[in-house]
Amino acid sequence: MILFYIYRVLSILLTVYSFALIIYIFMSWVPNARESSFGRVLASLCEPYLEPFRRIIPPLGMIDISPIVAIFVLKFADAGLLAVFRMLGAF
C-alpha cells in the first residue's frame, strides 16, 4: 500500500512539473512576463531541465520544439514509473 502512495506522489510531482513547463512556455508569448518574480522562479525550475533538450534539438526558425519533447519525456517517465511500481506489486 505504501508503494502505491509513493507512486501517486511521484506521479503528481511529474504532472505539476509538466504544468510548470507549459506555463513557462506560454510566458514567452507575454512581454516581460519572464522578468517578473514568478517568471524568474519558473526559469530557475525549468531552464536546467530544458537546457539539455535545447542543446540537442535546434529551433526550427522561431519555433522551439524542445519543450514539447521535454514534456513527452516526462510523460514517458511517468509511464515507466507506473510499470516499475506494477512490477513491484504496488497495484
C-alpha atoms as a PDB file:
ATOM      1  CA  MET A   1       0.000   0.000   0.000  1.00  0.00           C
ATOM      2  CA  ILE A   2       2.849   2.400   0.773  1.00  0.00           C
ATOM      3  CA  LEU A   3       4.306   1.822  -2.716  1.00  0.00           C
ATOM      4  CA  PHE A   4       1.021   3.000  -4.206  1.00  0.00           C
ATOM      5  CA  TYR A   5       1.243   6.276  -2.283  1.00  0.00           C
ATOM      6  CA  ILE A   6       4.876   6.758  -3.278  1.00  0.00           C
ATOM      7  CA  TYR A   7       3.909   6.276  -6.914  1.00  0.00           C
ATOM      8  CA  ARG A   8       0.990   8.724  -6.585  1.00  0.00           C
ATOM      9  CA  VAL A   9       3.207  11.411  -5.053  1.00  0.00           C
ATOM     10  CA  LEU A  10       5.865  10.980  -7.744  1.00  0.00           C
ATOM     11  CA  SER A  11       3.238  10.987 -10.484  1.00  0.00           C
ATOM     12  CA  ILE A  12       1.639  14.150  -9.124  1.00  0.00           C
ATOM     13  CA  LEU A  13       5.049  15.839  -8.929  1.00  0.00           C
ATOM     14  CA  LEU A  14       5.756  14.967 -12.560  1.00  0.00           C
ATOM     15  CA  THR A  15       2.356  16.321 -13.585  1.00  0.00           C
ATOM     16  CA  VAL A  16       2.848  19.557 -11.648  1.00  0.00           C
ATOM     17  CA  TYR A  17       6.294  19.979 -13.225  1.00  0.00           C
ATOM     18  CA  SER A  18       4.767  19.426 -16.677  1.00  0.00           C
ATOM     19  CA  PHE A  19       2.255  22.182 -15.986  1.00  0.00           C
ATOM     20  CA  ALA A  20       5.062  24.446 -14.757  1.00  0.00           C
ATOM     21  CA  LEU A  21       6.859  23.857 -18.066  1.00  0.00           C
ATOM     22  CA  ILE A  22       3.707  24.675 -20.029  1.00  0.00           C
ATOM     23  CA  ILE A  23       3.178  27.891 -18.064  1.00  0.00           C
ATOM     24  CA  TYR A  24       6.835  28.817 -18.602  1.00  0.00           C
ATOM     25  CA  ILE A  25       6.477  28.229 -22.337  1.00  0.00           C
ATOM     26  CA  PHE A  26       3.347  30.377 -22.561  1.00  0.00           C
ATOM     27  CA  MET A  27       5.070  33.133 -20.609  1.00  0.00           C
ATOM     28  CA  SER A  28       7.357  33.656 -23.594  1.00  0.00           C
ATOM     29  CA  TRP A  29       4.344  34.988 -25.505  1.00  0.00           C
ATOM     30  CA  VAL A  30       3.719  37.758 -22.949  1.00  0.00           C
ATOM     31  CA  PRO A  31       6.196  40.641 -22.996  1.00  0.00           C
ATOM     32  CA  ASN A  32       8.312  40.917 -19.826  1.00  0.00           C
ATOM     33  CA  ALA A  33       6.495  38.018 -18.149  1.00  0.00           C
ATOM     34  CA  ARG A  34       9.706  36.048 -17.651  1.00  0.00           C
ATOM     35  CA  GLU A  35      11.324  39.056 -15.990  1.00  0.00           C
ATOM     36  CA  SER A  36       8.718  39.069 -13.208  1.00  0.00           C
ATOM     37  CA  SER A  37       9.477  37.379  -9.904  1.00  0.00           C
ATOM     38  CA  PHE A  38       7.168  34.466 -10.817  1.00  0.00           C
ATOM     39  CA  GLY A  39       8.901  34.173 -14.186  1.00  0.00           C
ATOM     40  CA  ARG A  40      12.326  34.081 -12.561  1.00  0.00           C
ATOM     41  CA  VAL A  41      11.202  31.342 -10.156  1.00  0.00           C
ATOM     42  CA  LEU A  42       9.827  29.289 -13.051  1.00  0.00           C
ATOM     43  CA  ALA A  43      13.017  29.906 -15.022  1.00  0.00           C
ATOM     44  CA  SER A  44      15.138  28.625 -12.145  1.00  0.00           C
ATOM     45  CA  LEU A  45      12.995  25.471 -12.043  1.00  0.00           C
ATOM     46  CA  CYS A  46      12.503  24.862 -15.764  1.00  0.00           C
ATOM     47  CA  GLU A  47      15.690  26.023 -17.505  1.00  0.00           C
ATOM     48  CA  PRO A  48      18.017  23.363 -16.008  1.00  0.00           C
ATOM     49  CA  TYR A  49      15.697  20.663 -17.356  1.00  0.00           C
ATOM     50  CA  LEU A  50      15.130  22.346 -20.742  1.00  0.00           C
ATOM     51  CA  GLU A  51      18.787  23.173 -21.424  1.00  0.00           C
ATOM     52  CA  PRO A  52      19.909  19.660 -22.495  1.00  0.00           C
ATOM     53  CA  PHE A  53      16.948  19.408 -24.870  1.00  0.00           C
ATOM     54  CA  ARG A  54      17.790  22.783 -26.398  1.00  0.00           C
ATOM     55  CA  ARG A  55      21.376  21.648 -26.993  1.00  0.00           C
ATOM     56  CA  ILE A  56      20.178  18.507 -28.797  1.00  0.00           C
ATOM     57  CA  ILE A  57      17.188  19.924 -30.705  1.00  0.00           C
ATOM     58  CA  PRO A  58      17.850  23.169 -32.572  1.00  0.00           C
ATOM     59  CA  PRO A  59      14.995  25.648 -33.017  1.00  0.00           C
ATOM     60  CA  LEU A  60      13.061  25.499 -36.278  1.00  0.00           C
ATOM     61  CA  GLY A  61      13.127  29.130 -37.296  1.00  0.00           C
ATOM     62  CA  MET A  62      11.406  30.984 -34.484  1.00  0.00           C
ATOM     63  CA  ILE A  63       9.772  27.829 -33.098  1.00  0.00           C
ATOM     64  CA  ASP A  64      11.486  25.947 -30.293  1.00  0.00           C
ATOM     65  CA  ILE A  65      10.114  22.395 -30.108  1.00  0.00           C
ATOM     66  CA  SER A  66      12.487  21.244 -27.376  1.00  0.00           C
ATOM     67  CA  PRO A  67       9.967  21.985 -24.560  1.00  0.00           C
ATOM     68  CA  ILE A  68       7.438  19.737 -26.275  1.00  0.00           C
ATOM     69  CA  VAL A  69       9.970  16.923 -26.393  1.00  0.00           C
ATOM     70  CA  ALA A  70      10.857  17.593 -22.752  1.00  0.00           C
ATOM     71  CA  ILE A  71       7.197  17.253 -21.747  1.00  0.00           C
ATOM     72  CA  PHE A  72       6.902  13.998 -23.695  1.00  0.00           C
ATOM     73  CA  VAL A  73       9.962  12.681 -21.846  1.00  0.00           C
ATOM     74  CA  LEU A  74       8.247  13.491 -18.542  1.00  0.00           C
ATOM     75  CA  LYS A  75       5.124  11.623 -19.675  1.00  0.00           C
ATOM     76  CA  PHE A  76       7.240   8.612 -20.698  1.00  0.00           C
ATOM     77  CA  ALA A  77       8.979   8.756 -17.309  1.00  0.00           C
ATOM     78  CA  ASP A  78       5.582   8.672 -15.617  1.00  0.00           C
ATOM     79  CA  ALA A  79       4.566   5.657 -17.694  1.00  0.00           C
ATOM     80  CA  GLY A  80       7.869   3.938 -16.880  1.00  0.00           C
ATOM     81  CA  LEU A  81       7.367   4.703 -13.219  1.00  0.00           C
ATOM     82  CA  LEU A  82       3.949   3.083 -13.397  1.00  0.00           C
ATOM     83  CA  ALA A  83       5.455  -0.035 -14.997  1.00  0.00           C
ATOM     84  CA  VAL A  84       8.148  -0.275 -12.327  1.00  0.00           C
ATOM     85  CA  PHE A  85       5.672   0.073  -9.484  1.00  0.00           C
ATOM     86  CA  ARG A  86       3.394  -2.510 -11.078  1.00  0.00           C
ATOM     87  CA  MET A  87       6.324  -4.933 -11.226  1.00  0.00           C
ATOM     88  CA  LEU A  88       6.974  -4.236  -7.551  1.00  0.00           C
ATOM     89  CA  GLY A  89       3.381  -5.168  -6.787  1.00  0.00           C
ATOM     90  CA  ALA A  90       2.090  -1.748  -5.773  1.00  0.00           C
ATOM     91  CA  PHE A  91      -1.164  -2.293  -7.688  1.00  0.00           C
END
